[in-house]
PDB file of N, CA and C in Angstrom:
ATOM      1  N   UNK A   1     -36.929-145.181  12.267  1.00  0.00           N
ATOM      2  CA  UNK A   1     -36.871-145.931  10.572  1.00  0.00           C
ATOM      3  C   UNK A   1     -36.371-146.846  10.576  1.00  0.00           C
ATOM      4  N   UNK A   2     -37.006-147.676   9.551  1.00  0.00           N
ATOM      5  CA  UNK A   2     -36.595-149.126   9.396  1.00  0.00           C
ATOM      6  C   UNK A   2     -35.557-149.188   8.462  1.00  0.00           C
ATOM      7  N   UNK A   3     -34.669-149.726   8.356  1.00  0.00           N
ATOM      8  CA  UNK A   3     -33.485-149.954   7.326  1.00  0.00           C
ATOM      9  C   UNK A   3     -34.365-149.835   5.841  1.00  0.00           C
ATOM     10  N   UNK A   4     -35.269-150.648   5.979  1.00  0.00           N
ATOM     11  CA  UNK A   4     -35.816-150.658   4.172  1.00  0.00           C
ATOM     12  C   UNK A   4     -36.396-149.097   3.885  1.00  0.00           C
ATOM     13  N   UNK A   5     -36.771-148.640   4.593  1.00  0.00           N
ATOM     14  CA  UNK A   5     -37.445-147.084   4.382  1.00  0.00           C
ATOM     15  C   UNK A   5     -36.347-146.127   4.377  1.00  0.00           C
ATOM     16  N   UNK A   6     -35.309-146.548   5.065  1.00  0.00           N
ATOM     17  CA  UNK A   6     -33.869-145.451   4.829  1.00  0.00           C
ATOM     18  C   UNK A   6     -33.260-145.977   3.181  1.00  0.00           C
ATOM     19  N   UNK A   7     -33.447-146.806   2.860  1.00  0.00           N
ATOM     20  CA  UNK A   7     -32.843-147.759   1.421  1.00  0.00           C
ATOM     21  C   UNK A   7     -33.875-146.734   0.510  1.00  0.00           C
ATOM     22  N   UNK A   8     -35.195-146.985   0.364  1.00  0.00           N
ATOM     23  CA  UNK A   8     -36.226-146.133  -0.578  1.00  0.00           C
ATOM     24  C   UNK A   8     -35.983-145.009  -0.434  1.00  0.00           C
ATOM     25  N   UNK A   9     -35.904-144.187   0.788  1.00  0.00           N
ATOM     26  CA  UNK A   9     -35.409-142.617   0.621  1.00  0.00           C
ATOM     27  C   UNK A   9     -34.168-142.233   0.070  1.00  0.00           C
ATOM     28  N   UNK A  10     -33.344-143.118   0.251  1.00  0.00           N
ATOM     29  CA  UNK A  10     -31.792-142.789  -0.814  1.00  0.00           C
ATOM     30  C   UNK A  10     -31.990-143.493  -2.351  1.00  0.00           C
ATOM     31  N   UNK A  11     -32.887-144.174  -2.308  1.00  0.00           N
ATOM     32  CA  UNK A  11     -32.962-144.474  -3.823  1.00  0.00           C
ATOM     33  C   UNK A  11     -33.761-143.408  -4.634  1.00  0.00           C
ATOM     34  N   UNK A  12     -34.468-142.592  -3.708  1.00  0.00           N
ATOM     35  CA  UNK A  12     -35.641-141.474  -3.965  1.00  0.00           C
ATOM     36  C   UNK A  12     -34.730-140.236  -4.630  1.00  0.00           C
ATOM     37  N   UNK A  13     -33.767-140.167  -3.762  1.00  0.00           N
ATOM     38  CA  UNK A  13     -32.817-139.047  -3.719  1.00  0.00           C
ATOM     39  C   UNK A  13     -31.967-138.784  -5.165  1.00  0.00           C
ATOM     40  N   UNK A  14     -31.523-137.577  -5.330  1.00  0.00           N
ATOM     41  CA  UNK A  14     -30.689-137.445  -6.652  1.00  0.00           C
ATOM     42  C   UNK A  14     -29.555-138.430  -6.568  1.00  0.00           C
ATOM     43  N   UNK A  15     -28.919-138.661  -5.498  1.00  0.00           N
ATOM     44  CA  UNK A  15     -27.714-139.418  -5.460  1.00  0.00           C
ATOM     45  C   UNK A  15     -27.983-140.778  -5.838  1.00  0.00           C
ATOM     46  N   UNK A  16     -29.356-141.403  -5.026  1.00  0.00           N
ATOM     47  CA  UNK A  16     -29.755-142.677  -5.357  1.00  0.00           C
ATOM     48  C   UNK A  16     -30.207-142.874  -6.787  1.00  0.00           C
ATOM     49  N   UNK A  17     -30.876-141.702  -7.479  1.00  0.00           N
ATOM     50  CA  UNK A  17     -31.016-141.936  -8.741  1.00  0.00           C
ATOM     51  C   UNK A  17     -29.857-142.212  -9.725  1.00  0.00           C
ATOM     52  N   UNK A  18     -28.949-141.336  -9.501  1.00  0.00           N
ATOM     53  CA  UNK A  18     -27.361-141.241 -10.359  1.00  0.00           C
ATOM     54  C   UNK A  18     -27.117-142.705 -10.113  1.00  0.00           C
ATOM     55  N   UNK A  19     -26.611-143.362  -8.941  1.00  0.00           N
ATOM     56  CA  UNK A  19     -26.436-144.410  -8.864  1.00  0.00           C
ATOM     57  C   UNK A  19     -27.137-145.864  -9.750  1.00  0.00           C
ATOM     58  N   UNK A  20     -28.422-145.503  -9.395  1.00  0.00           N
ATOM     59  CA  UNK A  20     -29.391-146.535  -9.861  1.00  0.00           C
ATOM     60  C   UNK A  20     -29.105-146.396 -11.343  1.00  0.00           C
ATOM     61  N   UNK A  21     -29.046-145.312 -12.381  1.00  0.00           N
ATOM     62  CA  UNK A  21     -28.635-145.174 -13.710  1.00  0.00           C
ATOM     63  C   UNK A  21     -27.453-145.894 -13.879  1.00  0.00           C
ATOM     64  N   UNK A  22     -26.379-145.464 -13.046  1.00  0.00           N
ATOM     65  CA  UNK A  22     -25.049-146.054 -13.443  1.00  0.00           C
ATOM     66  C   UNK A  22     -25.047-147.648 -13.404  1.00  0.00           C
ATOM     67  N   UNK A  23     -25.805-148.338 -12.372  1.00  0.00           N
ATOM     68  CA  UNK A  23     -25.788-149.568 -12.450  1.00  0.00           C
ATOM     69  C   UNK A  23     -26.588-149.993 -13.749  1.00  0.00           C
ATOM     70  N   UNK A  24     -27.780-149.471 -14.068  1.00  0.00           N
ATOM     71  CA  UNK A  24     -28.274-149.813 -15.323  1.00  0.00           C
ATOM     72  C   UNK A  24     -27.508-149.727 -16.469  1.00  0.00           C
ATOM     73  N   UNK A  25     -26.663-148.771 -16.699  1.00  0.00           N
ATOM     74  CA  UNK A  25     -25.771-148.566 -17.530  1.00  0.00           C
ATOM     75  C   UNK A  25     -24.699-149.772 -17.697  1.00  0.00           C
ATOM     76  N   UNK A  26     -24.049-149.863 -16.716  1.00  0.00           N
ATOM     77  CA  UNK A  26     -23.362-151.047 -16.385  1.00  0.00           C
ATOM     78  C   UNK A  26     -23.369-152.407 -16.716  1.00  0.00           C
ATOM     79  N   UNK A  27     -25.002-152.793 -16.382  1.00  0.00           N
ATOM     80  CA  UNK A  27     -25.790-154.007 -16.544  1.00  0.00           C
ATOM     81  C   UNK A  27     -26.009-154.370 -18.321  1.00  0.00           C
ATOM     82  N   UNK A  28     -26.050-152.879 -18.919  1.00  0.00           N
ATOM     83  CA  UNK A  28     -26.098-152.825 -20.491  1.00  0.00           C
ATOM     84  C   UNK A  28     -25.136-153.483 -21.111  1.00  0.00           C
ATOM     85  N   UNK A  29     -23.713-153.614 -20.479  1.00  0.00           N
ATOM     86  CA  UNK A  29     -22.436-154.035 -21.285  1.00  0.00           C
ATOM     87  C   UNK A  29     -22.529-155.475 -21.385  1.00  0.00           C
ATOM     88  N   UNK A  30     -22.306-156.236 -22.758  1.00  0.00           N
ATOM     89  CA  UNK A  30     -22.062-157.196 -22.660  1.00  0.00           C
ATOM     90  C   UNK A  30     -21.664-158.361 -21.768  1.00  0.00           C
ATOM     91  N   UNK A  31     -19.828-157.833 -21.461  1.00  0.00           N
ATOM     92  CA  UNK A  31     -19.155-158.340 -20.368  1.00  0.00           C
ATOM     93  C   UNK A  31     -19.591-158.392 -19.449  1.00  0.00           C
ATOM     94  N   UNK A  32     -20.139-157.227 -18.621  1.00  0.00           N
ATOM     95  CA  UNK A  32     -20.801-157.354 -17.358  1.00  0.00           C
ATOM     96  C   UNK A  32     -21.870-158.168 -17.361  1.00  0.00           C
ATOM     97  N   UNK A  33     -22.909-158.531 -18.620  1.00  0.00           N
ATOM     98  CA  UNK A  33     -24.024-159.208 -18.293  1.00  0.00           C
ATOM     99  C   UNK A  33     -23.540-160.911 -18.351  1.00  0.00           C
ATOM    100  N   UNK A  34     -22.301-161.267 -19.215  1.00  0.00           N
ATOM    101  CA  UNK A  34     -21.639-162.622 -19.216  1.00  0.00           C
ATOM    102  C   UNK A  34     -21.033-162.949 -17.592  1.00  0.00           C
ATOM    103  N   UNK A  35     -20.270-161.748 -17.104  1.00  0.00           N
ATOM    104  CA  UNK A  35     -19.830-161.921 -15.777  1.00  0.00           C
ATOM    105  C   UNK A  35     -21.044-162.196 -14.651  1.00  0.00           C
ATOM    106  N   UNK A  36     -22.235-161.591 -14.983  1.00  0.00           N
ATOM    107  CA  UNK A  36     -23.297-162.204 -13.936  1.00  0.00           C
ATOM    108  C   UNK A  36     -24.212-163.035 -14.293  1.00  0.00           C
ATOM    109  N   UNK A  37     -24.103-163.673 -15.475  1.00  0.00           N
ATOM    110  CA  UNK A  37     -24.606-165.171 -15.917  1.00  0.00           C
ATOM    111  C   UNK A  37     -24.013-166.276 -14.920  1.00  0.00           C
ATOM    112  N   UNK A  38     -22.468-165.976 -15.305  1.00  0.00           N
ATOM    113  CA  UNK A  38     -21.395-166.706 -14.848  1.00  0.00           C
ATOM    114  C   UNK A  38     -21.740-166.672 -12.974  1.00  0.00           C
ATOM    115  N   UNK A  39     -21.725-165.883 -12.490  1.00  0.00           N
ATOM    116  CA  UNK A  39     -21.765-165.933 -11.321  1.00  0.00           C
ATOM    117  C   UNK A  39     -23.097-166.440 -10.743  1.00  0.00           C
ATOM    118  N   UNK A  40     -24.234-166.215 -11.231  1.00  0.00           N
ATOM    119  CA  UNK A  40     -25.454-167.094 -11.005  1.00  0.00           C
ATOM    120  C   UNK A  40     -25.261-168.634 -11.614  1.00  0.00           C
ATOM    121  N   UNK A  41     -24.621-168.920 -12.241  1.00  0.00           N
ATOM    122  CA  UNK A  41     -24.432-170.428 -12.717  1.00  0.00           C
ATOM    123  C   UNK A  41     -23.771-171.014 -11.137  1.00  0.00           C
ATOM    124  N   UNK A  42     -22.335-170.235 -10.950  1.00  0.00           N
ATOM    125  CA  UNK A  42     -21.763-170.903  -9.872  1.00  0.00           C
ATOM    126  C   UNK A  42     -22.600-170.904  -8.820  1.00  0.00           C
ATOM    127  N   UNK A  43     -23.109-169.899  -8.347  1.00  0.00           N
ATOM    128  CA  UNK A  43     -24.207-169.916  -6.991  1.00  0.00           C
ATOM    129  C   UNK A  43     -25.075-170.972  -7.246  1.00  0.00           C
ATOM    130  N   UNK A  44     -25.797-171.279  -8.520  1.00  0.00           N
ATOM    131  CA  UNK A  44     -26.715-172.293  -8.348  1.00  0.00           C
ATOM    132  C   UNK A  44     -25.966-173.625  -8.426  1.00  0.00           C
ATOM    133  N   UNK A  45     -24.793-173.737  -8.669  1.00  0.00           N
ATOM    134  CA  UNK A  45     -24.267-175.173  -8.560  1.00  0.00           C
ATOM    135  C   UNK A  45     -23.614-175.472  -7.237  1.00  0.00           C
ATOM    136  N   UNK A  46     -23.516-174.263  -6.282  1.00  0.00           N
ATOM    137  CA  UNK A  46     -23.168-174.877  -4.734  1.00  0.00           C
ATOM    138  C   UNK A  46     -24.258-175.648  -4.499  1.00  0.00           C
ATOM    139  N   UNK A  47     -25.581-175.337  -4.457  1.00  0.00           N
ATOM    140  CA  UNK A  47     -26.369-176.101  -4.174  1.00  0.00           C
ATOM    141  C   UNK A  47     -26.796-177.743  -4.278  1.00  0.00           C
TER     142      UNK A  47
END
């Protein structure tokens, strides 16, 4: 089984669904959105 298939299977599992939902909830927080934007800006500046 390829690694991508294993990841897909995990994401379809109940535990994978819970983790996906938790990630979405974290991304909805303004502080985390700001941190993600800052990280993206820093990564773009390195190039």
